[in-house]
Amino acid sequence: MITPAIPLIVKPYKMRKKLKTGEEREYIIYRINLPKSLAESLALEEGEDIILAYITQAKWFHIFDWSNPEVLEEVLPRLTERERLELCATLAPESVCRGEKPHILVADPDKLKSLGLDPEKPITLKDLEEAVKRKALTKAQPPQ
């Protein structure tokens, strides 16, 4: 199941540690606090739980409130098709995505590369269809 992305803030904290030699070192650690509503929806309990998350740095278009009609009117036309698709895979409401929703596709990265696709970037069904058609046409052509 894919759920809409929830923006989380990463905060750096300075931590001091005293070494056995008596020397003190300062380290920076990074913490992400989960909103209570998210923790409840994930059924997290007090103690330690394992969470699997896909974390990526937000792009410039993720900073906007896409439920605001003014943002839709002003910013949406400026997005490239790829940026719109990336937005739809994370934060955008259905009105931005024209009914498209992200789905998980389990695939061998080498097979995606053999189709000419970059497995590190979002892939649409249209991208996959076109890549398969290209490969089928290449195989169908007689060798010269």
C-alpha atoms as a PDB file:
ATOM      1  CA  MET A   1       0.000   0.000   0.000  1.00  0.00           C
ATOM      2  CA  ILE A   2       1.344   3.425  -0.901  1.00  0.00           C
ATOM      3  CA  THR A   3       0.189   6.338   1.218  1.00  0.00           C
ATOM      4  CA  PRO A   4       0.649  10.029   0.584  1.00  0.00           C
ATOM      5  CA  ALA A   5       4.008  11.413   1.629  1.00  0.00           C
ATOM      6  CA  ILE A   6       4.150  13.260   4.917  1.00  0.00           C
ATOM      7  CA  PRO A   7       6.778  15.975   5.166  1.00  0.00           C
ATOM      8  CA  LEU A   8       9.070  15.385   8.133  1.00  0.00           C
ATOM      9  CA  ILE A   9      11.654  17.801   9.449  1.00  0.00           C
ATOM     10  CA  VAL A  10      15.180  16.609  10.161  1.00  0.00           C
ATOM     11  CA  LYS A  11      16.803  18.476  13.052  1.00  0.00           C
ATOM     12  CA  PRO A  12      20.519  18.359  13.813  1.00  0.00           C
ATOM     13  CA  TYR A  13      21.497  18.080  17.473  1.00  0.00           C
ATOM     14  CA  LYS A  14      24.959  18.501  18.940  1.00  0.00           C
ATOM     15  CA  MET A  15      25.978  15.697  21.227  1.00  0.00           C
ATOM     16  CA  ARG A  16      29.051  15.655  23.444  1.00  0.00           C
ATOM     17  CA  LYS A  17      30.777  12.443  24.351  1.00  0.00           C
ATOM     18  CA  LYS A  18      33.528  12.068  26.885  1.00  0.00           C
ATOM     19  CA  LEU A  19      36.203   9.639  25.759  1.00  0.00           C
ATOM     20  CA  LYS A  20      38.175   7.320  28.059  1.00  0.00           C
ATOM     21  CA  THR A  21      41.181   9.587  27.563  1.00  0.00           C
ATOM     22  CA  GLY A  22      39.242  12.412  29.198  1.00  0.00           C
ATOM     23  CA  GLU A  23      38.964  14.250  25.909  1.00  0.00           C
ATOM     24  CA  GLU A  24      35.510  15.460  24.934  1.00  0.00           C
ATOM     25  CA  ARG A  25      34.239  15.204  21.357  1.00  0.00           C
ATOM     26  CA  GLU A  26      31.246  16.833  19.803  1.00  0.00           C
ATOM     27  CA  TYR A  27      29.099  14.983  17.275  1.00  0.00           C
ATOM     28  CA  ILE A  28      26.084  16.003  15.300  1.00  0.00           C
ATOM     29  CA  ILE A  29      23.178  13.588  15.238  1.00  0.00           C
ATOM     30  CA  TYR A  30      20.011  14.003  13.205  1.00  0.00           C
ATOM     31  CA  ARG A  31      16.534  13.282  14.526  1.00  0.00           C
ATOM     32  CA  ILE A  32      13.171  13.032  12.862  1.00  0.00           C
ATOM     33  CA  ASN A  33      10.127  13.416  15.073  1.00  0.00           C
ATOM     34  CA  LEU A  34       7.013  11.674  13.824  1.00  0.00           C
ATOM     35  CA  PRO A  35       3.704  13.461  14.239  1.00  0.00           C
ATOM     36  CA  LYS A  36       1.394  11.763  16.729  1.00  0.00           C
ATOM     37  CA  SER A  37      -1.229  11.127  14.034  1.00  0.00           C
ATOM     38  CA  LEU A  38       1.355   9.271  11.923  1.00  0.00           C
ATOM     39  CA  ALA A  39       2.589   7.201  14.869  1.00  0.00           C
ATOM     40  CA  GLU A  40      -1.009   6.235  15.684  1.00  0.00           C
ATOM     41  CA  SER A  41      -1.829   5.350  12.064  1.00  0.00           C
ATOM     42  CA  LEU A  42       1.271   3.114  11.980  1.00  0.00           C
ATOM     43  CA  ALA A  43       0.187   1.541  15.299  1.00  0.00           C
ATOM     44  CA  LEU A  44       3.542   2.375  16.868  1.00  0.00           C
ATOM     45  CA  GLU A  45       3.752   1.645  20.553  1.00  0.00           C
ATOM     46  CA  GLU A  46       6.067   2.848  23.259  1.00  0.00           C
ATOM     47  CA  GLY A  47       9.472   1.245  22.879  1.00  0.00           C
ATOM     48  CA  GLU A  48      11.297   0.372  19.697  1.00  0.00           C
ATOM     49  CA  ASP A  49       9.589  -0.383  16.407  1.00  0.00           C
ATOM     50  CA  ILE A  50      11.054  -0.895  12.971  1.00  0.00           C
ATOM     51  CA  ILE A  51       9.809   1.456  10.282  1.00  0.00           C
ATOM     52  CA  LEU A  52      10.603   1.068   6.607  1.00  0.00           C
ATOM     53  CA  ALA A  53      10.563   4.418   4.851  1.00  0.00           C
ATOM     54  CA  TYR A  54      11.733   5.874   1.591  1.00  0.00           C
ATOM     55  CA  ILE A  55      13.475   9.122   2.445  1.00  0.00           C
ATOM     56  CA  THR A  56      14.602  11.634  -0.124  1.00  0.00           C
ATOM     57  CA  GLN A  57      15.426  15.304  -0.066  1.00  0.00           C
ATOM     58  CA  ALA A  58      12.490  17.449  -1.107  1.00  0.00           C
ATOM     59  CA  LYS A  59      12.620  19.143  -4.503  1.00  0.00           C
ATOM     60  CA  TRP A  60      11.675  22.801  -4.903  1.00  0.00           C
ATOM     61  CA  PHE A  61       8.101  21.974  -5.878  1.00  0.00           C
ATOM     62  CA  HIS A  62       7.483  20.009  -2.677  1.00  0.00           C
ATOM     63  CA  ILE A  63       7.536  23.190  -0.572  1.00  0.00           C
ATOM     64  CA  PHE A  64       4.151  24.370  -1.840  1.00  0.00           C
ATOM     65  CA  ASP A  65       0.741  23.624  -0.354  1.00  0.00           C
ATOM     66  CA  TRP A  66      -0.899  21.838  -3.267  1.00  0.00           C
ATOM     67  CA  SER A  67      -4.355  22.008  -1.697  1.00  0.00           C
ATOM     68  CA  ASN A  68      -4.226  25.803  -2.197  1.00  0.00           C
ATOM     69  CA  PRO A  69      -6.002  26.792  -5.463  1.00  0.00           C
ATOM     70  CA  GLU A  70      -3.593  29.715  -5.992  1.00  0.00           C
ATOM     71  CA  VAL A  71      -0.625  27.321  -5.976  1.00  0.00           C
ATOM     72  CA  LEU A  72      -2.385  25.074  -8.482  1.00  0.00           C
ATOM     73  CA  GLU A  73      -3.047  28.050 -10.738  1.00  0.00           C
ATOM     74  CA  GLU A  74       0.394  29.677 -10.481  1.00  0.00           C
ATOM     75  CA  VAL A  75       2.926  26.866  -9.971  1.00  0.00           C
ATOM     76  CA  LEU A  76       1.408  23.781 -11.641  1.00  0.00           C
ATOM     77  CA  PRO A  77       1.748  25.150 -15.207  1.00  0.00           C
ATOM     78  CA  ARG A  78       5.479  25.753 -14.573  1.00  0.00           C
ATOM     79  CA  LEU A  79       6.209  22.114 -13.714  1.00  0.00           C
ATOM     80  CA  THR A  80       7.667  19.799 -16.306  1.00  0.00           C
ATOM     81  CA  GLU A  81       5.821  16.544 -16.890  1.00  0.00           C
ATOM     82  CA  ARG A  82       8.526  14.643 -14.928  1.00  0.00           C
ATOM     83  CA  GLU A  83       8.231  17.055 -11.965  1.00  0.00           C
ATOM     84  CA  ARG A  84       4.444  16.653 -11.980  1.00  0.00           C
ATOM     85  CA  LEU A  85       4.830  12.876 -11.905  1.00  0.00           C
ATOM     86  CA  GLU A  86       7.341  13.064  -9.037  1.00  0.00           C
ATOM     87  CA  LEU A  87       4.930  15.292  -7.179  1.00  0.00           C
ATOM     88  CA  CYS A  88       2.112  12.814  -7.785  1.00  0.00           C
ATOM     89  CA  ALA A  89       4.274  10.047  -6.361  1.00  0.00           C
ATOM     90  CA  THR A  90       4.562  11.974  -3.107  1.00  0.00           C
ATOM     91  CA  LEU A  91       2.486  14.932  -1.977  1.00  0.00           C
ATOM     92  CA  ALA A  92       0.080  16.044  -4.666  1.00  0.00           C
ATOM     93  CA  PRO A  93      -3.683  15.698  -4.384  1.00  0.00           C
ATOM     94  CA  GLU A  94      -5.602  13.775  -7.065  1.00  0.00           C
ATOM     95  CA  SER A  95      -6.645  17.029  -8.753  1.00  0.00           C
ATOM     96  CA  VAL A  96      -2.997  17.614  -9.725  1.00  0.00           C
ATOM     97  CA  CYS A  97      -2.425  14.015 -10.803  1.00  0.00           C
ATOM     98  CA  ARG A  98      -5.452  13.586 -13.072  1.00  0.00           C
ATOM     99  CA  GLY A  99      -6.456  10.434 -11.208  1.00  0.00           C
ATOM    100  CA  GLU A 100      -3.012   8.819 -11.475  1.00  0.00           C
ATOM    101  CA  LYS A 101      -1.683   7.162  -8.337  1.00  0.00           C
ATOM    102  CA  PRO A 102       1.699   5.616  -7.551  1.00  0.00           C
ATOM    103  CA  HIS A 103       1.998   1.814  -7.410  1.00  0.00           C
ATOM    104  CA  ILE A 104       4.854  -0.399  -6.374  1.00  0.00           C
ATOM    105  CA  LEU A 105       6.507  -2.390  -9.147  1.00  0.00           C
ATOM    106  CA  VAL A 106       9.060  -4.972  -8.119  1.00  0.00           C
ATOM    107  CA  ALA A 107      11.596  -5.291 -10.908  1.00  0.00           C
ATOM    108  CA  ASP A 108      15.204  -6.293 -11.490  1.00  0.00           C
ATOM    109  CA  PRO A 109      17.199  -3.061 -12.020  1.00  0.00           C
ATOM    110  CA  ASP A 110      19.299  -4.744 -14.740  1.00  0.00           C
ATOM    111  CA  LYS A 111      16.154  -5.636 -16.701  1.00  0.00           C
ATOM    112  CA  LEU A 112      14.917  -2.056 -16.435  1.00  0.00           C
ATOM    113  CA  LYS A 113      18.317  -0.847 -17.665  1.00  0.00           C
ATOM    114  CA  SER A 114      18.143  -3.312 -20.579  1.00  0.00           C
ATOM    115  CA  LEU A 115      14.885  -1.589 -21.554  1.00  0.00           C
ATOM    116  CA  GLY A 116      16.663   1.764 -21.494  1.00  0.00           C
ATOM    117  CA  LEU A 117      15.027   2.887 -18.232  1.00  0.00           C
ATOM    118  CA  ASP A 118      16.779   4.386 -15.215  1.00  0.00           C
ATOM    119  CA  PRO A 119      15.730   2.367 -12.130  1.00  0.00           C
ATOM    120  CA  GLU A 120      16.818   5.244  -9.859  1.00  0.00           C
ATOM    121  CA  LYS A 121      14.152   7.582 -11.247  1.00  0.00           C
ATOM    122  CA  PRO A 122      10.358   7.347 -11.134  1.00  0.00           C
ATOM    123  CA  ILE A 123       9.051   5.219 -14.003  1.00  0.00           C
ATOM    124  CA  THR A 124       5.547   5.618 -15.359  1.00  0.00           C
ATOM    125  CA  LEU A 125       3.483   2.897 -16.962  1.00  0.00           C
ATOM    126  CA  LYS A 126       3.739   4.876 -20.199  1.00  0.00           C
ATOM    127  CA  ASP A 127       7.578   4.826 -19.917  1.00  0.00           C
ATOM    128  CA  LEU A 128       7.490   1.056 -19.400  1.00  0.00           C
ATOM    129  CA  GLU A 129       5.073   0.462 -22.298  1.00  0.00           C
ATOM    130  CA  GLU A 130       7.200   2.534 -24.689  1.00  0.00           C
ATOM    131  CA  ALA A 131      10.408   0.793 -23.607  1.00  0.00           C
ATOM    132  CA  VAL A 132       8.875  -2.658 -24.157  1.00  0.00           C
ATOM    133  CA  LYS A 133       7.541  -1.594 -27.589  1.00  0.00           C
ATOM    134  CA  ARG A 134      10.989  -0.270 -28.601  1.00  0.00           C
ATOM    135  CA  LYS A 135      12.651  -3.513 -27.524  1.00  0.00           C
ATOM    136  CA  ALA A 136      10.017  -5.636 -29.330  1.00  0.00           C
ATOM    137  CA  LEU A 137      10.437  -3.597 -32.535  1.00  0.00           C
ATOM    138  CA  THR A 138      14.223  -3.928 -32.312  1.00  0.00           C
ATOM    139  CA  LYS A 139      13.952  -7.730 -31.972  1.00  0.00           C
ATOM    140  CA  ALA A 140      11.385  -7.937 -34.775  1.00  0.00           C
ATOM    141  CA  GLN A 141      13.641  -6.208 -37.300  1.00  0.00           C
ATOM    142  CA  PRO A 142      15.742  -8.628 -39.346  1.00  0.00           C
ATOM    143  CA  PRO A 143      19.521  -8.275 -38.855  1.00  0.00           C
ATOM    144  CA  GLN A 144      21.284  -6.352 -41.596  1.00  0.00           C
END
